[in-house]
Amino acid sequence: MNSVRTLPRVTTTPSGVRFVLAVQAIAVALVVGWFATGHASAPDAGLLQLDVLSLSERVEGAAAVDGRPTMLVVTCPDLPRDDRELAAEFGLVVSTDPVLARRLALPLATAECQPGYVLLDAASTVRYRTYDPGWQEHSYEQEVLLGHLSGHRS
């Protein structure tokens, strides 16, 4: 004689369902809000930076030099210029254009005269951006990142 066993039915109370839905709604709202705000210094939520080399946007006025990964430094006209060079396989451009700084979401470069730079891949896509008042002294780190963009890992 085969007997069929039935398991007890699990029921969820209406208040339990409402609680789960409320938690999910809050989580979704937080994630959407986080993505909507963008980077703290980004105007109009432009150029979201979530992690190293995670950007992927083209910006008018930012172009790679001769199809090579390029570092584009945005600085102020009254700061001393540096004629530092990167390795020959990378391009380097120094700009004092405040409009370009705003397009690159580096507003401190125009408002407070803080130098910053972006790294462009060979296709002129912005892949990284940061403020760095000592950018001239960090060529090793910059070349490692540019090497990553060119496919040569160091």
Protein backbone atom coordinates (compact mmCIF):
# COMPACT_ATOMS: atom_id res chain seq x y z
CA MET A 1 0.00 0.00 0.00
CA ASN A 2 1.51 3.26 -1.17
CA SER A 3 0.70 6.27 0.81
CA VAL A 4 1.13 9.75 -0.47
CA ARG A 5 2.62 12.14 1.97
CA THR A 6 1.79 15.76 1.69
CA LEU A 7 4.02 18.44 3.04
CA PRO A 8 2.52 21.20 5.07
CA ARG A 9 1.73 24.25 3.00
CA VAL A 10 3.89 27.27 3.69
CA THR A 11 1.96 30.47 3.62
CA THR A 12 3.27 33.96 3.64
CA THR A 13 1.36 36.56 5.51
CA PRO A 14 0.37 39.72 3.68
CA SER A 15 2.56 41.75 6.05
CA GLY A 16 5.56 39.51 5.22
CA VAL A 17 5.04 40.03 1.50
CA ARG A 18 4.75 43.80 2.01
CA PHE A 19 7.98 43.79 4.02
CA VAL A 20 9.90 41.92 1.31
CA LEU A 21 8.54 44.21 -1.41
CA ALA A 22 9.43 47.30 0.64
CA VAL A 23 13.01 46.10 1.15
CA GLN A 24 13.35 45.37 -2.57
CA ALA A 25 11.92 48.78 -3.49
CA ILE A 26 14.35 50.54 -1.17
CA ALA A 27 17.29 48.58 -2.60
CA VAL A 28 16.26 49.41 -6.17
CA ALA A 29 15.78 53.09 -5.27
CA LEU A 30 19.25 53.26 -3.69
CA VAL A 31 20.93 51.64 -6.68
CA VAL A 32 19.08 53.85 -9.17
CA GLY A 33 19.90 56.93 -7.09
CA TRP A 34 23.56 55.98 -6.92
CA PHE A 35 23.79 55.56 -10.70
CA ALA A 36 21.79 58.73 -11.35
CA THR A 37 24.08 60.96 -9.30
CA GLY A 38 27.25 59.98 -11.12
CA HIS A 39 30.66 60.97 -9.85
CA ALA A 40 30.64 63.61 -7.12
CA SER A 41 32.41 66.15 -9.30
CA ALA A 42 30.75 65.23 -12.57
CA PRO A 43 28.47 67.89 -14.01
CA ASP A 44 25.18 66.55 -15.30
CA ALA A 45 26.10 63.04 -14.17
CA GLY A 46 28.68 62.87 -16.95
CA LEU A 47 31.58 60.47 -17.14
CA LEU A 48 30.68 57.99 -14.44
CA GLN A 49 33.74 56.41 -12.91
CA LEU A 50 33.06 53.20 -11.04
CA ASP A 51 36.52 51.67 -11.02
CA VAL A 52 39.95 51.98 -12.61
CA LEU A 53 39.74 52.02 -16.40
CA SER A 54 35.98 51.62 -16.40
CA LEU A 55 34.98 54.69 -18.37
CA SER A 56 34.08 54.37 -21.98
CA GLU A 57 33.03 57.72 -23.42
CA ARG A 58 34.22 59.99 -26.16
CA VAL A 59 34.56 63.67 -25.35
CA GLU A 60 34.68 66.44 -27.94
CA GLY A 61 38.16 67.96 -27.98
CA ALA A 62 39.90 64.93 -26.44
CA ALA A 63 41.81 62.94 -29.03
CA ALA A 64 44.53 60.32 -28.88
CA VAL A 65 47.86 61.33 -30.42
CA ASP A 66 48.54 59.38 -33.64
CA GLY A 67 46.27 56.51 -32.57
CA ARG A 68 48.32 55.80 -29.42
CA PRO A 69 47.03 55.63 -25.85
CA THR A 70 47.34 59.21 -24.62
CA MET A 71 47.44 61.11 -21.36
CA LEU A 72 45.60 64.43 -21.60
CA VAL A 73 46.54 66.78 -18.75
CA VAL A 74 44.16 69.63 -17.97
CA THR A 75 45.81 72.38 -15.96
CA CYS A 76 45.57 76.12 -15.37
CA PRO A 77 47.38 78.76 -17.42
CA ASP A 78 49.12 80.23 -14.35
CA LEU A 79 50.66 76.90 -13.25
CA PRO A 80 54.18 76.15 -14.48
CA ARG A 81 54.36 74.04 -17.60
CA ASP A 82 56.28 70.79 -17.55
CA ASP A 83 57.89 69.37 -20.66
CA ARG A 84 57.95 65.82 -19.31
CA GLU A 85 57.62 63.07 -21.86
CA LEU A 86 56.11 59.63 -21.64
CA ALA A 87 57.50 56.58 -23.41
CA ALA A 88 57.39 56.97 -27.20
CA GLU A 89 54.52 54.50 -27.52
CA PHE A 90 52.18 56.90 -25.63
CA GLY A 91 50.96 60.38 -26.38
CA LEU A 92 50.94 63.34 -23.98
CA VAL A 93 48.88 66.51 -24.40
CA VAL A 94 48.72 69.41 -21.92
CA SER A 95 45.70 71.72 -22.15
CA THR A 96 44.67 74.87 -20.28
CA ASP A 97 41.21 74.98 -21.90
CA PRO A 98 38.51 75.34 -19.17
CA VAL A 99 35.78 74.23 -21.58
CA LEU A 100 37.62 70.96 -22.20
CA ALA A 101 38.07 70.54 -18.44
CA ARG A 102 34.29 70.82 -17.95
CA ARG A 103 33.62 68.39 -20.80
CA LEU A 104 35.99 65.91 -19.17
CA ALA A 105 34.14 66.34 -15.86
CA LEU A 106 37.19 67.91 -14.22
CA PRO A 107 35.54 71.13 -12.97
CA LEU A 108 38.13 71.72 -10.23
CA ALA A 109 40.67 72.28 -12.99
CA THR A 110 38.70 75.40 -13.93
CA ALA A 111 37.14 76.51 -10.64
CA GLU A 112 40.05 75.92 -8.25
CA CYS A 113 42.97 75.48 -10.66
CA GLN A 114 43.62 71.87 -9.68
CA PRO A 115 45.42 69.88 -12.39
CA GLY A 116 43.89 66.65 -13.48
CA TYR A 117 44.33 64.22 -16.31
CA VAL A 118 42.46 61.67 -18.33
CA LEU A 119 43.78 58.61 -20.11
CA LEU A 120 42.52 57.96 -23.61
CA ASP A 121 42.78 54.67 -25.43
CA ALA A 122 43.95 54.55 -29.05
CA ALA A 123 40.37 55.18 -30.24
CA SER A 124 40.19 58.45 -28.20
CA THR A 125 37.80 56.97 -25.65
CA VAL A 126 38.18 58.35 -22.11
CA ARG A 127 39.09 55.40 -19.91
CA TYR A 128 40.33 57.02 -16.68
CA ARG A 129 40.32 60.44 -15.04
CA THR A 130 41.70 61.90 -11.84
CA TYR A 131 43.01 65.00 -10.12
CA ASP A 132 46.74 64.83 -9.52
CA PRO A 133 48.67 67.96 -8.53
CA GLY A 134 51.90 65.95 -8.78
CA TRP A 135 51.09 64.33 -12.12
CA GLN A 136 54.61 65.06 -13.41
CA GLU A 137 56.08 62.74 -10.76
CA HIS A 138 53.88 59.72 -11.44
CA SER A 139 55.00 58.66 -14.89
CA TYR A 140 55.56 55.03 -13.88
CA GLU A 141 51.97 54.56 -12.71
CA GLN A 142 50.61 56.45 -15.71
CA GLU A 143 52.63 54.36 -18.12
CA VAL A 144 51.42 51.15 -16.47
CA LEU A 145 47.81 52.27 -17.02
CA LEU A 146 48.54 53.41 -20.58
CA GLY A 147 50.27 50.08 -21.23
CA HIS A 148 47.08 48.36 -20.09
CA LEU A 149 45.14 50.41 -22.62
CA SER A 150 47.52 49.41 -25.40
CA GLY A 151 47.33 45.75 -24.47
CA HIS A 152 50.85 45.57 -23.04
CA ARG A 153 50.63 44.55 -19.39
CA SER A 154 53.55 45.63 -17.18
